[in-house]
Amino acid sequence: MAYWLIKSNPSCFGIKDLKEAGTEMWDGVRNYRARNFMRDDMQVGDKAFFYHSSAKPSGVAGVVTISRAGYPDTTQFYPEHRHYDPKATADKPRWYMVDVTFEQTFNDILPLSELKFLPALEDSLLLKKGCEQLTIIPLEPKHWYAIMDMAEKLHLLSEDTDSIE
């Protein structure tokens, strides 16, 4: 099993939207590095933190599971769609997506401002300069467990999955 962090602006699609949907396509990613992670590396059963980006505060909102490995992002083929790519074809897709399934929300956002102080994350792409715009970030097990431990210590883990506002 691999670990990931996936980012979304909650005003467009947040953890509560995923909770309501149950499972959703993670489409619209238009960064080649993130695309490669989805196409080549993300597998069914992998775990990911759902990260609210461009939010106040930005941070980890919950946990999801990868429920379908990388496959062509269908939005690239429709001219009327905002993620349309005229260079993409069915024979040679340029963009990929995965399906994610809701697992859990945290009682509150675990903010990036707190994550920056975790020594275990100092070598993670989450905190690396130049990687701020990546919407898919691989995590090492030590990164995953450090974030989960911090959430537990801050009493953010809960069975109540409606906690984040």
Protein backbone atom coordinates (compact mmCIF):
# COMPACT_ATOMS: atom_id res chain seq x y z
CA MET A 1 0.00 0.00 0.00
CA ALA A 2 1.18 3.50 -0.83
CA TYR A 3 0.22 6.79 0.81
CA TRP A 4 -0.75 10.05 -0.86
CA LEU A 5 -2.00 13.55 -0.24
CA ILE A 6 -4.55 14.89 -2.72
CA LYS A 7 -5.51 18.57 -2.80
CA SER A 8 -8.77 20.23 -3.68
CA ASN A 9 -10.21 23.67 -3.12
CA PRO A 10 -13.19 23.05 -0.81
CA SER A 11 -15.21 25.78 -2.52
CA CYS A 12 -15.11 23.57 -5.65
CA PHE A 13 -15.07 20.10 -4.08
CA GLY A 14 -14.42 19.39 -0.41
CA ILE A 15 -14.38 16.40 1.91
CA LYS A 16 -18.09 16.89 2.66
CA ASP A 17 -18.85 16.64 -1.06
CA LEU A 18 -16.94 13.38 -1.23
CA LYS A 19 -18.71 12.09 1.88
CA GLU A 20 -22.04 12.77 0.21
CA ALA A 21 -20.96 11.13 -3.07
CA GLY A 22 -19.21 8.20 -1.40
CA THR A 23 -16.92 7.61 -4.38
CA GLU A 24 -15.89 10.14 -6.97
CA MET A 25 -13.56 10.53 -9.94
CA TRP A 26 -10.48 12.64 -9.17
CA ASP A 27 -10.46 14.39 -12.53
CA GLY A 28 -9.20 17.66 -13.95
CA VAL A 29 -5.58 17.31 -12.83
CA ARG A 30 -3.47 19.16 -15.41
CA ASN A 31 0.05 18.81 -14.07
CA TYR A 32 2.29 16.21 -15.71
CA ARG A 33 4.02 15.13 -12.51
CA ALA A 34 0.69 14.64 -10.69
CA ARG A 35 -0.70 12.91 -13.80
CA ASN A 36 2.20 10.47 -13.75
CA PHE A 37 1.54 9.63 -10.10
CA MET A 38 -2.08 8.82 -10.93
CA ARG A 39 -1.32 6.98 -14.16
CA ASP A 40 1.68 4.96 -12.98
CA ASP A 41 1.68 4.68 -9.21
CA MET A 42 -1.68 5.02 -7.47
CA GLN A 43 -3.29 1.64 -6.86
CA VAL A 44 -6.57 0.35 -5.46
CA GLY A 45 -6.34 0.25 -1.67
CA ASP A 46 -3.80 3.08 -1.35
CA LYS A 47 -4.68 5.65 1.31
CA ALA A 48 -4.68 9.41 0.82
CA PHE A 49 -5.17 12.47 2.94
CA PHE A 50 -7.80 14.81 1.52
CA TYR A 51 -6.22 18.26 1.75
CA HIS A 52 -8.25 21.46 1.52
CA SER A 53 -6.14 23.93 -0.48
CA SER A 54 -6.73 27.66 -0.96
CA ALA A 55 -8.77 27.59 2.23
CA LYS A 56 -8.53 29.31 5.60
CA PRO A 57 -6.85 27.36 6.94
CA SER A 58 -5.44 25.05 4.30
CA GLY A 59 -4.75 21.60 5.64
CA VAL A 60 -5.66 17.95 5.97
CA ALA A 61 -9.42 17.43 6.22
CA GLY A 62 -9.72 13.65 6.22
CA VAL A 63 -8.83 10.29 4.72
CA VAL A 64 -9.82 8.62 1.45
CA THR A 65 -9.01 5.33 -0.27
CA ILE A 66 -8.03 4.95 -3.90
CA SER A 67 -10.82 2.76 -5.27
CA ARG A 68 -9.85 2.68 -8.96
CA ALA A 69 -6.34 2.93 -10.35
CA GLY A 70 -5.40 5.44 -13.06
CA TYR A 71 -7.46 5.57 -16.24
CA PRO A 72 -7.94 8.26 -18.93
CA ASP A 73 -9.65 11.43 -17.68
CA THR A 74 -12.75 11.67 -19.85
CA THR A 75 -13.06 15.44 -19.38
CA GLN A 76 -10.10 15.96 -21.73
CA PHE A 77 -12.20 14.79 -24.71
CA TYR A 78 -15.19 17.15 -24.44
CA PRO A 79 -14.76 20.60 -26.05
CA GLU A 80 -17.47 22.08 -23.84
CA HIS A 81 -15.71 20.95 -20.64
CA ARG A 82 -13.31 23.32 -18.85
CA HIS A 83 -10.66 20.57 -18.73
CA TYR A 84 -10.82 19.90 -22.48
CA ASP A 85 -7.47 19.27 -24.18
CA PRO A 86 -7.57 19.49 -27.98
CA LYS A 87 -4.31 17.50 -28.22
CA ALA A 88 -5.75 14.50 -26.38
CA THR A 89 -7.27 11.58 -28.28
CA ALA A 90 -8.85 8.34 -27.18
CA ASP A 91 -5.84 6.49 -28.62
CA LYS A 92 -3.35 8.84 -26.94
CA PRO A 93 -4.88 10.35 -23.81
CA ARG A 94 -2.76 12.99 -22.11
CA TRP A 95 -4.51 13.12 -18.74
CA TYR A 96 -5.49 10.49 -16.20
CA MET A 97 -7.66 10.25 -13.10
CA VAL A 98 -8.34 7.85 -10.26
CA ASP A 99 -11.46 7.17 -8.22
CA VAL A 100 -11.42 7.98 -4.52
CA THR A 101 -13.75 6.74 -1.80
CA PHE A 102 -14.55 8.62 1.38
CA GLU A 103 -13.23 7.10 4.62
CA GLN A 104 -13.18 9.74 7.36
CA THR A 105 -13.19 13.45 8.12
CA PHE A 106 -11.20 14.97 10.93
CA ASN A 107 -12.95 16.93 13.67
CA ASP A 108 -11.17 20.02 12.37
CA ILE A 109 -8.65 20.85 9.67
CA LEU A 110 -5.08 19.87 10.51
CA PRO A 111 -3.52 23.08 9.21
CA LEU A 112 -0.38 23.34 7.11
CA SER A 113 0.92 25.83 9.67
CA GLU A 114 1.01 22.95 12.21
CA LEU A 115 2.29 20.33 9.77
CA LYS A 116 5.37 22.48 9.09
CA PHE A 117 6.57 21.72 12.63
CA LEU A 118 6.56 17.94 12.21
CA PRO A 119 10.20 16.81 11.93
CA ALA A 120 9.12 13.68 10.04
CA LEU A 121 7.78 15.87 7.21
CA GLU A 122 10.89 17.95 6.61
CA ASP A 123 11.81 15.82 3.57
CA SER A 124 8.25 15.54 2.21
CA LEU A 125 7.11 17.11 -1.05
CA LEU A 126 4.31 18.78 0.92
CA LEU A 127 6.84 21.15 2.49
CA LYS A 128 9.34 21.31 -0.38
CA LYS A 129 9.71 24.62 -2.23
CA GLY A 130 8.42 24.40 -5.77
CA CYS A 131 5.95 21.61 -5.00
CA GLU A 132 3.20 23.79 -3.54
CA GLN A 133 1.16 23.55 -6.74
CA LEU A 134 1.22 19.74 -6.92
CA THR A 135 -2.29 18.42 -6.36
CA ILE A 136 -1.11 14.82 -5.90
CA ILE A 137 1.80 14.22 -3.51
CA PRO A 138 3.29 10.85 -2.60
CA LEU A 139 3.93 10.31 1.09
CA GLU A 140 6.30 7.90 2.74
CA PRO A 141 4.87 5.75 5.54
CA LYS A 142 6.72 7.91 8.10
CA HIS A 143 4.91 10.99 6.72
CA TRP A 144 1.53 9.26 6.87
CA TYR A 145 1.98 8.04 10.43
CA ALA A 146 3.36 11.38 11.65
CA ILE A 147 0.27 13.18 10.33
CA MET A 148 -2.08 10.55 11.76
CA ASP A 149 -0.29 10.71 15.13
CA MET A 150 -0.59 14.49 15.15
CA ALA A 151 -4.30 14.29 14.33
CA GLU A 152 -4.77 11.80 17.15
CA LYS A 153 -2.84 13.94 19.66
CA LEU A 154 -4.91 16.98 18.70
CA HIS A 155 -8.07 14.86 19.08
CA LEU A 156 -9.03 15.39 15.46
CA LEU A 157 -9.79 11.74 14.70
CA SER A 158 -13.42 10.98 15.24
CA GLU A 159 -16.20 8.62 14.38
CA ASP A 160 -18.35 11.71 13.80
CA THR A 161 -17.73 12.38 10.12
CA ASP A 162 -19.67 15.65 10.00
CA SER A 163 -17.25 17.68 12.09
CA ILE A 164 -15.47 19.85 9.53
CA GLU A 165 -17.36 23.02 8.70
